[in-house]
N, C-alpha and C. Protein backbone atom coordinates (compact mmCIF):
# COMPACT_ATOMS: atom_id res chain seq x y z
N UNK A 1 18.31 27.23 6.79
CA UNK A 1 18.64 26.63 7.31
C UNK A 1 18.20 25.13 6.93
N UNK A 2 19.32 23.86 6.98
CA UNK A 2 18.66 22.62 6.27
C UNK A 2 17.82 22.13 7.58
N UNK A 3 17.05 21.19 7.44
CA UNK A 3 16.08 20.58 8.14
C UNK A 3 16.35 19.33 8.19
N UNK A 4 16.22 18.96 9.49
CA UNK A 4 16.31 17.44 9.70
C UNK A 4 15.24 16.57 10.14
N UNK A 5 14.67 15.59 9.24
CA UNK A 5 13.26 14.70 9.67
C UNK A 5 13.87 13.94 10.48
N UNK A 6 12.87 13.61 11.53
CA UNK A 6 12.75 12.98 12.49
C UNK A 6 11.83 11.55 12.22
N UNK A 7 11.90 10.38 12.64
CA UNK A 7 10.91 9.49 12.55
C UNK A 7 11.01 8.82 13.73
N UNK A 8 9.87 8.45 14.21
CA UNK A 8 9.75 7.71 15.57
C UNK A 8 9.82 6.15 15.19
N UNK A 9 10.36 5.70 16.43
CA UNK A 9 11.03 4.00 16.09
C UNK A 9 10.35 3.64 16.16
N UNK A 10 10.13 2.80 15.21
CA UNK A 10 8.62 1.49 15.22
C UNK A 10 8.81 0.50 15.96
N UNK A 11 10.04 0.14 16.73
CA UNK A 11 10.03 -0.56 17.43
C UNK A 11 9.93 -0.18 19.10
N UNK A 12 9.86 1.09 19.34
CA UNK A 12 9.36 1.63 20.48
C UNK A 12 7.91 1.85 20.25
N UNK A 13 7.44 2.83 19.37
CA UNK A 13 6.33 3.51 19.00
C UNK A 13 5.48 2.52 18.15
N UNK A 14 4.36 1.82 18.42
CA UNK A 14 3.16 1.09 17.27
C UNK A 14 2.72 2.33 16.44
N UNK A 15 2.00 1.98 15.08
CA UNK A 15 1.24 2.66 14.29
C UNK A 15 0.43 2.13 14.24
N UNK A 16 -0.92 2.91 14.58
CA UNK A 16 -2.18 2.31 14.01
C UNK A 16 -3.29 3.05 13.27
N UNK A 17 -4.03 2.33 12.75
CA UNK A 17 -5.33 2.83 11.89
C UNK A 17 -6.48 2.34 12.64
N UNK A 18 -7.94 2.96 12.85
CA UNK A 18 -8.73 2.58 13.17
C UNK A 18 -9.99 3.10 12.39
N UNK A 19 -10.12 1.81 11.32
CA UNK A 19 -11.06 2.50 10.38
C UNK A 19 -12.04 2.53 10.69
N UNK A 20 -13.28 3.03 10.91
CA UNK A 20 -14.88 3.47 10.92
C UNK A 20 -15.66 3.72 9.63
N UNK A 21 -14.98 3.76 8.25
CA UNK A 21 -15.62 3.38 7.15
C UNK A 21 -14.44 2.79 6.13
N UNK A 22 -15.22 2.12 4.86
CA UNK A 22 -14.53 1.50 3.78
C UNK A 22 -14.56 2.41 2.83
N UNK A 23 -13.14 2.78 2.58
CA UNK A 23 -12.95 3.58 1.67
C UNK A 23 -13.11 3.48 -0.11
N UNK A 24 -13.19 2.28 0.15
CA UNK A 24 -13.51 1.55 -1.37
C UNK A 24 -15.37 1.91 -1.90
N UNK A 25 -16.02 2.17 -0.41
CA UNK A 25 -17.78 2.30 -0.64
C UNK A 25 -17.76 3.71 0.06
N UNK A 26 -17.19 4.68 0.84
CA UNK A 26 -17.77 5.66 1.27
C UNK A 26 -17.06 6.58 0.60
N UNK A 27 -17.73 7.72 0.11
CA UNK A 27 -17.22 9.03 -0.60
C UNK A 27 -16.00 9.31 0.57
N UNK A 28 -15.22 10.28 0.04
CA UNK A 28 -14.05 10.83 0.69
C UNK A 28 -14.43 11.75 1.66
N UNK A 29 -15.28 12.21 1.48
CA UNK A 29 -15.23 13.09 2.09
C UNK A 29 -16.39 12.94 3.72
N UNK A 30 -16.76 11.56 3.40
CA UNK A 30 -17.56 11.11 4.24
C UNK A 30 -16.41 9.69 5.34
N UNK A 31 -15.45 9.51 4.82
CA UNK A 31 -14.55 8.44 4.96
C UNK A 31 -13.93 9.36 6.51
N UNK A 32 -13.55 8.21 7.34
CA UNK A 32 -13.02 8.00 8.52
C UNK A 32 -12.32 7.35 9.00
N UNK A 33 -10.81 7.74 9.22
CA UNK A 33 -9.82 7.08 10.25
C UNK A 33 -9.62 7.75 11.29
N UNK A 34 -9.36 6.79 12.40
CA UNK A 34 -8.42 7.86 13.49
C UNK A 34 -6.78 7.03 12.98
N UNK A 35 -5.80 7.75 13.26
CA UNK A 35 -4.53 7.33 13.10
C UNK A 35 -3.83 7.30 14.47
N UNK A 36 -3.17 6.85 14.99
CA UNK A 36 -2.85 6.57 16.21
C UNK A 36 -1.25 6.02 16.53
N UNK A 37 -0.65 6.51 17.46
CA UNK A 37 0.84 5.77 17.73
C UNK A 37 0.79 5.74 19.25
N UNK A 38 1.33 4.48 19.38
CA UNK A 38 1.15 4.24 20.77
C UNK A 38 2.04 5.22 21.66
N UNK A 39 1.73 5.54 22.99
CA UNK A 39 2.71 6.31 23.90
C UNK A 39 2.39 6.18 25.17
N UNK A 40 3.25 6.63 25.77
CA UNK A 40 3.07 6.70 27.58
C UNK A 40 3.24 7.76 28.16
N UNK A 41 2.49 8.43 27.63
CA UNK A 41 2.39 9.90 28.24
C UNK A 41 1.23 10.71 28.06
N UNK A 42 0.25 11.59 28.41
CA UNK A 42 -0.48 12.41 28.59
C UNK A 42 -0.04 13.69 27.34
N UNK A 43 -1.43 13.69 26.45
CA UNK A 43 -1.21 14.65 25.25
C UNK A 43 -1.73 15.78 25.84
N UNK A 44 -0.86 16.84 25.94
CA UNK A 44 -1.48 18.40 26.80
C UNK A 44 -2.49 19.01 25.62
N UNK A 45 -3.40 19.40 25.53
CA UNK A 45 -4.54 20.56 24.81
C UNK A 45 -3.44 21.00 23.98
N UNK A 46 -3.65 21.27 22.51
CA UNK A 46 -3.19 21.72 21.63
C UNK A 46 -3.82 21.99 20.66
N UNK A 47 -3.22 23.05 19.59
CA UNK A 47 -4.23 23.51 18.46
C UNK A 47 -4.30 22.65 16.97
N UNK A 48 -3.76 21.46 17.70
CA UNK A 48 -3.44 20.06 16.29
C UNK A 48 -4.74 19.37 16.13
N UNK A 49 -5.72 19.17 17.37
CA UNK A 49 -6.37 18.11 17.47
C UNK A 49 -6.08 16.92 17.90
N UNK A 50 -4.83 17.08 18.48
CA UNK A 50 -4.46 15.76 18.73
C UNK A 50 -5.02 15.21 20.31
N UNK A 51 -5.53 14.06 20.12
CA UNK A 51 -6.01 13.45 21.85
C UNK A 51 -5.06 12.46 22.09
N UNK A 52 -5.16 12.17 23.29
CA UNK A 52 -5.19 11.21 23.92
C UNK A 52 -6.64 10.05 23.82
N UNK A 53 -6.46 8.38 23.49
CA UNK A 53 -7.53 7.45 23.44
C UNK A 53 -6.96 6.40 23.54
N UNK A 54 -7.51 5.28 24.10
CA UNK A 54 -7.22 3.83 24.06
C UNK A 54 -8.04 2.92 23.26
N UNK A 55 -7.29 2.07 22.95
CA UNK A 55 -8.11 1.08 22.35
C UNK A 55 -8.30 0.05 23.26
N UNK A 56 -9.86 -0.38 23.12
CA UNK A 56 -10.08 -0.90 24.32
C UNK A 56 -9.61 -2.55 24.51
N UNK A 57 -9.77 -3.16 25.12
CA UNK A 57 -9.17 -4.68 25.33
C UNK A 57 -10.22 -5.54 24.29
N UNK A 58 -10.03 -6.23 23.38
CA UNK A 58 -11.08 -6.65 22.39
C UNK A 58 -10.63 -7.85 22.46
N UNK A 59 -11.79 -9.07 21.61
CA UNK A 59 -11.32 -10.13 20.75
C UNK A 59 -11.59 -10.02 19.45
N UNK A 60 -10.08 -10.54 19.41
CA UNK A 60 -10.12 -10.19 17.72
C UNK A 60 -9.88 -11.67 17.03
N UNK A 61 -10.10 -11.54 15.39
CA UNK A 61 -9.05 -12.25 14.75
C UNK A 61 -8.65 -11.57 14.24
N UNK A 62 -6.87 -12.12 13.70
CA UNK A 62 -6.22 -11.54 13.07
C UNK A 62 -5.70 -11.75 11.70
N UNK A 63 -5.61 -11.12 11.06
CA UNK A 63 -4.65 -11.87 9.64
C UNK A 63 -3.68 -10.82 9.17
N UNK A 64 -2.57 -10.94 8.66
CA UNK A 64 -1.51 -10.54 8.14
C UNK A 64 -1.37 -9.67 6.84
N UNK A 65 -1.50 -8.67 6.06
CA UNK A 65 -0.89 -8.46 4.62
C UNK A 65 0.15 -8.08 4.73
N UNK A 66 1.06 -8.59 3.74
CA UNK A 66 2.19 -8.14 3.11
C UNK A 66 2.26 -7.30 1.56
N UNK A 67 2.69 -6.08 1.50
CA UNK A 67 2.38 -5.52 0.31
C UNK A 67 1.96 -4.08 0.25
N UNK A 68 1.54 -3.51 -0.52
CA UNK A 68 1.13 -1.86 -0.52
C UNK A 68 -0.05 -1.50 0.35
N UNK A 69 -0.16 -0.81 1.09
CA UNK A 69 -1.69 -0.13 2.27
C UNK A 69 -2.89 -0.30 1.20
N UNK A 70 -2.73 0.45 0.27
CA UNK A 70 -3.51 0.43 -0.81
C UNK A 70 -4.25 -0.93 -0.99
N UNK A 71 -3.90 -1.95 -1.09
CA UNK A 71 -4.53 -2.95 -1.36
C UNK A 71 -4.52 -3.88 -0.60
N UNK A 72 -5.04 -4.05 1.18
CA UNK A 72 -4.72 -4.54 1.81
C UNK A 72 -5.89 -5.86 2.10
N UNK A 73 -5.26 -6.86 1.31
CA UNK A 73 -5.97 -8.10 1.24
C UNK A 73 -6.03 -9.02 2.61
N UNK A 74 -5.72 -8.81 4.14
CA UNK A 74 -5.97 -9.33 4.92
C UNK A 74 -7.73 -8.87 5.60
N UNK A 75 -8.01 -7.74 5.27
CA UNK A 75 -9.18 -6.76 5.75
C UNK A 75 -10.26 -8.12 4.86
N UNK A 76 -9.83 -8.04 3.41
CA UNK A 76 -11.06 -8.35 2.70
C UNK A 76 -11.08 -10.20 2.99
N UNK A 77 -9.61 -10.54 3.20
CA UNK A 77 -9.92 -12.05 3.74
C UNK A 77 -10.85 -12.42 4.99
N UNK A 78 -10.39 -11.59 5.78
CA UNK A 78 -11.00 -11.79 7.32
C UNK A 78 -12.62 -11.28 7.00
N UNK A 79 -13.19 -10.03 5.98
CA UNK A 79 -14.42 -10.49 5.94
C UNK A 79 -15.46 -11.37 5.11
N UNK A 80 -14.56 -11.34 3.76
CA UNK A 80 -15.25 -12.57 2.84
C UNK A 80 -14.92 -13.92 2.77
N UNK A 81 -14.01 -14.41 3.36
CA UNK A 81 -13.73 -15.69 4.20
C UNK A 81 -13.66 -16.57 5.07
N UNK A 82 -12.55 -15.67 6.00
CA UNK A 82 -13.12 -16.11 7.28
C UNK A 82 -14.16 -15.93 8.18
N UNK A 83 -14.62 -14.95 8.02
CA UNK A 83 -15.83 -14.79 8.44
C UNK A 83 -17.46 -15.39 8.94
N UNK A 84 -17.39 -15.62 7.23
CA UNK A 84 -18.55 -16.82 6.98
C UNK A 84 -18.39 -18.04 7.00
N UNK A 85 -17.14 -18.72 7.47
CA UNK A 85 -16.97 -19.84 7.80
C UNK A 85 -16.73 -20.01 9.04
N UNK A 86 -16.50 -19.04 10.12
CA UNK A 86 -15.78 -19.17 11.37
C UNK A 86 -17.23 -19.41 12.07
N UNK A 87 -18.33 -18.77 12.05
CA UNK A 87 -19.59 -18.88 12.97
C UNK A 87 -18.81 -18.04 13.51
N UNK A 88 -18.64 -16.78 13.85
CA UNK A 88 -18.39 -15.59 14.54
C UNK A 88 -19.23 -14.56 13.93
N UNK A 89 -19.22 -13.61 14.74
CA UNK A 89 -19.79 -12.18 14.79
C UNK A 89 -18.94 -11.24 14.78
N UNK A 90 -19.49 -10.17 13.93
CA UNK A 90 -18.51 -8.78 14.01
C UNK A 90 -19.14 -8.50 15.26
N UNK A 91 -17.81 -7.71 15.84
CA UNK A 91 -18.32 -6.93 17.20
C UNK A 91 -18.37 -5.35 17.23
N UNK A 92 -18.32 -5.05 17.88
CA UNK A 92 -18.89 -3.65 17.98
C UNK A 92 -18.22 -2.17 18.09
N UNK A 93 -16.53 -2.86 17.31
CA UNK A 93 -15.88 -1.84 17.01
C UNK A 93 -15.12 -2.00 15.72
N UNK A 94 -14.54 -0.99 14.99
CA UNK A 94 -13.97 -0.77 13.89
C UNK A 94 -12.77 -1.71 13.62
N UNK A 95 -12.77 -2.36 12.47
CA UNK A 95 -11.12 -3.01 12.31
C UNK A 95 -9.90 -2.14 12.80
N UNK A 96 -8.96 -2.70 13.47
CA UNK A 96 -7.88 -1.93 13.87
C UNK A 96 -6.56 -2.62 12.83
N UNK A 97 -5.84 -1.19 11.87
CA UNK A 97 -4.90 -2.06 11.40
C UNK A 97 -3.54 -1.03 11.90
N UNK A 98 -3.00 -1.74 12.08
CA UNK A 98 -1.44 -2.16 13.07
C UNK A 98 -0.48 -1.96 11.89
N UNK A 99 0.09 -0.82 11.68
CA UNK A 99 1.32 -0.80 10.33
C UNK A 99 2.50 -1.16 11.12
N UNK A 100 2.76 -2.24 10.89
CA UNK A 100 3.89 -2.56 11.39
C UNK A 100 5.50 -2.41 11.05
N UNK A 101 5.56 -2.07 9.89
CA UNK A 101 6.61 -1.18 9.88
C UNK A 101 6.21 0.22 8.72
N UNK A 102 6.75 0.87 9.65
CA UNK A 102 6.47 2.35 8.71
C UNK A 102 7.78 3.24 8.16
N UNK A 103 7.74 4.07 7.48
CA UNK A 103 9.21 5.27 6.97
C UNK A 103 9.33 5.37 5.44
N UNK A 104 9.51 6.16 5.08
CA UNK A 104 10.18 6.99 3.96
C UNK A 104 10.76 5.21 3.06
N UNK A 105 11.74 4.86 3.75
CA UNK A 105 12.55 3.50 3.14
C UNK A 105 11.58 2.35 3.18
N UNK A 106 10.62 2.35 3.44
CA UNK A 106 9.44 1.20 3.27
C UNK A 106 9.43 0.74 2.23
N UNK A 107 9.67 -0.13 1.16
CA UNK A 107 9.07 -0.23 -0.63
C UNK A 107 7.89 -1.15 -0.41
N UNK A 108 6.88 -0.55 -0.67
CA UNK A 108 5.25 -1.10 -0.78
C UNK A 108 5.18 -2.38 -0.59
N UNK A 109 6.28 -2.96 -1.59
CA UNK A 109 5.97 -4.85 -1.29
C UNK A 109 6.70 -5.20 -0.17
N UNK A 110 7.35 -4.39 0.83
CA UNK A 110 8.03 -4.44 1.66
C UNK A 110 6.97 -4.51 2.89
N UNK A 111 5.78 -3.43 3.13
CA UNK A 111 4.91 -3.08 4.09
C UNK A 111 4.45 -4.81 4.52
N UNK A 112 4.06 -4.09 5.85
CA UNK A 112 3.75 -5.11 6.85
C UNK A 112 2.53 -4.59 7.26
N UNK A 113 1.14 -5.06 7.46
CA UNK A 113 0.21 -4.59 8.16
C UNK A 113 -0.76 -5.69 8.78
N UNK A 114 -1.20 -5.72 9.98
CA UNK A 114 -1.70 -6.80 10.81
C UNK A 114 -3.37 -6.04 11.18
N UNK A 115 -4.04 -6.99 10.72
CA UNK A 115 -5.54 -6.35 10.74
C UNK A 115 -5.97 -7.51 11.87
N UNK A 116 -6.43 -6.39 12.77
CA UNK A 116 -7.17 -7.11 14.11
C UNK A 116 -8.79 -6.74 13.94
N UNK A 117 -9.66 -7.71 13.62
CA UNK A 117 -11.28 -7.87 13.50
C UNK A 117 -11.70 -8.30 14.39
N UNK A 118 -12.24 -6.76 15.23
CA UNK A 118 -13.15 -7.22 16.35
C UNK A 118 -14.31 -8.14 16.40
N UNK A 119 -14.52 -9.16 17.20
CA UNK A 119 -15.40 -10.08 17.23
C UNK A 119 -16.58 -9.83 18.39
N UNK A 120 -17.50 -10.30 18.48
CA UNK A 120 -18.89 -10.18 19.25
C UNK A 120 -18.80 -11.26 20.53
């Protein structure tokens, strides 16, 4: 029996990563990221550990990265260049990565990720 792969419509459903740790400085066994998809319904209890959560309303700086998600330059820019010059302080929530375009047909050089950096 052939299987058909289905993908979420990236125009209707937004994909996010909430990065609690830095993969470059945190051991893989301790690295923590919540992957999320925007939905308008309640997730019932399930065996997969999928739950409803809400990203709070935050004041953020935003930068866009175009290219492979394995080498995101937007977060580096926000942390190392923008933040020290801005007079702002880091907020009390981890950075949020909005994966603007997702799917098997997206080439690494075409990937778009908006990084939202919460501010105090």
